């Protein structure tokens, strides 16, 4: 019976090593970076297109400026994720989930705005 706790500890050790691992294949890094850049840019450009083609969107100019800042900041974070090789796996995955959720909420917010009178 003494081997059960040891085996459980080895499992936790493996999980800990996987979460703290900084090994990230270059192809996976490039693919995830491209996917995130397309997704982030697509969300922002959808709002740009809506703003510039809608005649009653002039009152939302502040949100347009916010979108420019939003897009730039996300490009910087995604570029840092691509460039950095010392971010642990759990932190890299958490940042990616936050980017995904933030874009969903930002898109829902922008497209819930009502046209100006």
Protein backbone atom coordinates (compact mmCIF):
# COMPACT_ATOMS: atom_id res chain seq x y z
CA UNK A 1 0.00 0.00 0.00
CA UNK A 2 2.97 2.32 0.32
CA UNK A 3 3.25 2.72 -3.45
CA UNK A 4 -0.17 4.50 -3.83
CA UNK A 5 0.83 7.86 -2.31
CA UNK A 6 4.16 7.72 -4.15
CA UNK A 7 2.38 7.11 -7.45
CA UNK A 8 -0.04 9.98 -6.76
CA UNK A 9 2.91 12.23 -5.97
CA UNK A 10 4.59 11.30 -9.23
CA UNK A 11 1.38 12.24 -11.06
CA UNK A 12 1.29 15.61 -9.34
CA UNK A 13 4.96 16.09 -10.13
CA UNK A 14 4.27 15.48 -13.81
CA UNK A 15 1.34 17.91 -13.77
CA UNK A 16 3.51 20.53 -12.05
CA UNK A 17 6.27 20.05 -14.63
CA UNK A 18 3.80 20.38 -17.48
CA UNK A 19 2.28 23.57 -16.04
CA UNK A 20 5.68 25.16 -15.46
CA UNK A 21 7.15 24.01 -18.75
CA UNK A 22 8.47 26.68 -21.08
CA UNK A 23 8.92 24.26 -23.98
CA UNK A 24 6.63 25.44 -26.75
CA UNK A 25 7.13 24.13 -30.29
CA UNK A 26 7.88 26.84 -32.85
CA UNK A 27 5.17 25.64 -35.25
CA UNK A 28 2.57 25.79 -32.49
CA UNK A 29 3.78 29.24 -31.46
CA UNK A 30 3.54 30.52 -35.02
CA UNK A 31 0.13 28.94 -35.62
CA UNK A 32 -1.42 30.26 -32.41
CA UNK A 33 0.04 33.72 -33.00
CA UNK A 34 -1.42 33.85 -36.51
CA UNK A 35 -4.82 32.63 -35.28
CA UNK A 36 -4.93 35.20 -32.49
CA UNK A 37 -3.84 38.04 -34.77
CA UNK A 38 -6.55 37.15 -37.30
CA UNK A 39 -9.20 36.90 -34.58
CA UNK A 40 -8.24 40.13 -32.82
CA UNK A 41 -7.88 42.10 -36.04
CA UNK A 42 -11.14 40.67 -37.39
CA UNK A 43 -13.06 41.80 -34.31
CA UNK A 44 -11.66 45.33 -34.54
CA UNK A 45 -12.07 45.59 -38.32
CA UNK A 46 -15.70 44.48 -38.07
CA UNK A 47 -16.32 47.48 -35.82
CA UNK A 48 -14.30 49.79 -38.09
CA UNK A 49 -16.36 48.67 -41.07
CA UNK A 50 -19.61 49.16 -39.17
CA UNK A 51 -18.57 52.59 -37.94
CA UNK A 52 -17.36 53.92 -41.28
CA UNK A 53 -20.26 52.55 -43.35
CA UNK A 54 -23.11 53.44 -40.98
CA UNK A 55 -24.38 56.99 -41.38
CA UNK A 56 -25.68 57.12 -37.79
CA UNK A 57 -22.55 56.02 -35.93
CA UNK A 58 -20.84 59.39 -35.48
CA UNK A 59 -21.74 59.62 -31.79
CA UNK A 60 -19.62 56.53 -31.08
CA UNK A 61 -16.31 58.16 -32.05
CA UNK A 62 -14.93 57.56 -28.53
CA UNK A 63 -15.45 53.84 -28.91
CA UNK A 64 -13.67 54.00 -32.25
CA UNK A 65 -10.60 55.47 -30.53
CA UNK A 66 -10.91 52.84 -27.80
CA UNK A 67 -10.90 50.16 -30.48
CA UNK A 68 -7.65 51.49 -31.96
CA UNK A 69 -6.01 51.37 -28.51
CA UNK A 70 -7.57 47.94 -27.83
CA UNK A 71 -6.19 46.54 -31.07
CA UNK A 72 -2.70 47.98 -30.53
CA UNK A 73 -2.46 46.66 -26.96
CA UNK A 74 -3.56 43.18 -28.02
CA UNK A 75 -1.03 43.15 -30.86
CA UNK A 76 1.68 44.02 -28.33
CA UNK A 77 0.61 41.23 -25.94
CA UNK A 78 0.37 38.66 -28.75
CA UNK A 79 3.77 39.77 -30.05
CA UNK A 80 5.22 39.33 -26.57
CA UNK A 81 3.73 35.84 -26.35
CA UNK A 82 5.33 35.01 -29.69
CA UNK A 83 8.73 36.48 -28.84
CA UNK A 84 9.13 35.33 -25.24
CA UNK A 85 10.40 31.83 -24.58
CA UNK A 86 10.31 31.93 -20.76
CA UNK A 87 6.55 32.14 -20.08
CA UNK A 88 5.30 29.01 -18.25
CA UNK A 89 2.57 26.98 -19.90
CA UNK A 90 -0.13 27.85 -17.35
CA UNK A 91 0.50 31.59 -17.76
CA UNK A 92 0.59 31.41 -21.57
CA UNK A 93 -2.70 29.50 -21.62
CA UNK A 94 -4.31 31.89 -19.12
CA UNK A 95 -3.31 34.90 -21.22
CA UNK A 96 -4.76 33.28 -24.34
CA UNK A 97 -8.06 32.54 -22.58
CA UNK A 98 -8.21 36.13 -21.32
CA UNK A 99 -7.63 37.47 -24.85
CA UNK A 100 -10.40 35.23 -26.20
CA UNK A 101 -12.90 36.19 -23.52
CA UNK A 102 -12.02 39.87 -23.74
CA UNK A 103 -12.63 39.88 -27.49
CA UNK A 104 -15.99 38.18 -27.09
CA UNK A 105 -17.13 40.72 -24.50
CA UNK A 106 -15.68 43.66 -26.42
CA UNK A 107 -17.45 42.53 -29.60
CA UNK A 108 -20.74 42.02 -27.77
CA UNK A 109 -20.43 45.48 -26.24
CA UNK A 110 -19.61 47.24 -29.50
CA UNK A 111 -22.35 45.58 -31.48
CA UNK A 112 -24.93 46.27 -28.77
CA UNK A 113 -24.52 50.03 -29.26
CA UNK A 114 -27.56 51.72 -30.70
CA UNK A 115 -27.30 54.03 -33.71
CA UNK A 116 -27.36 57.73 -33.06
CA UNK A 117 -30.67 59.46 -33.70
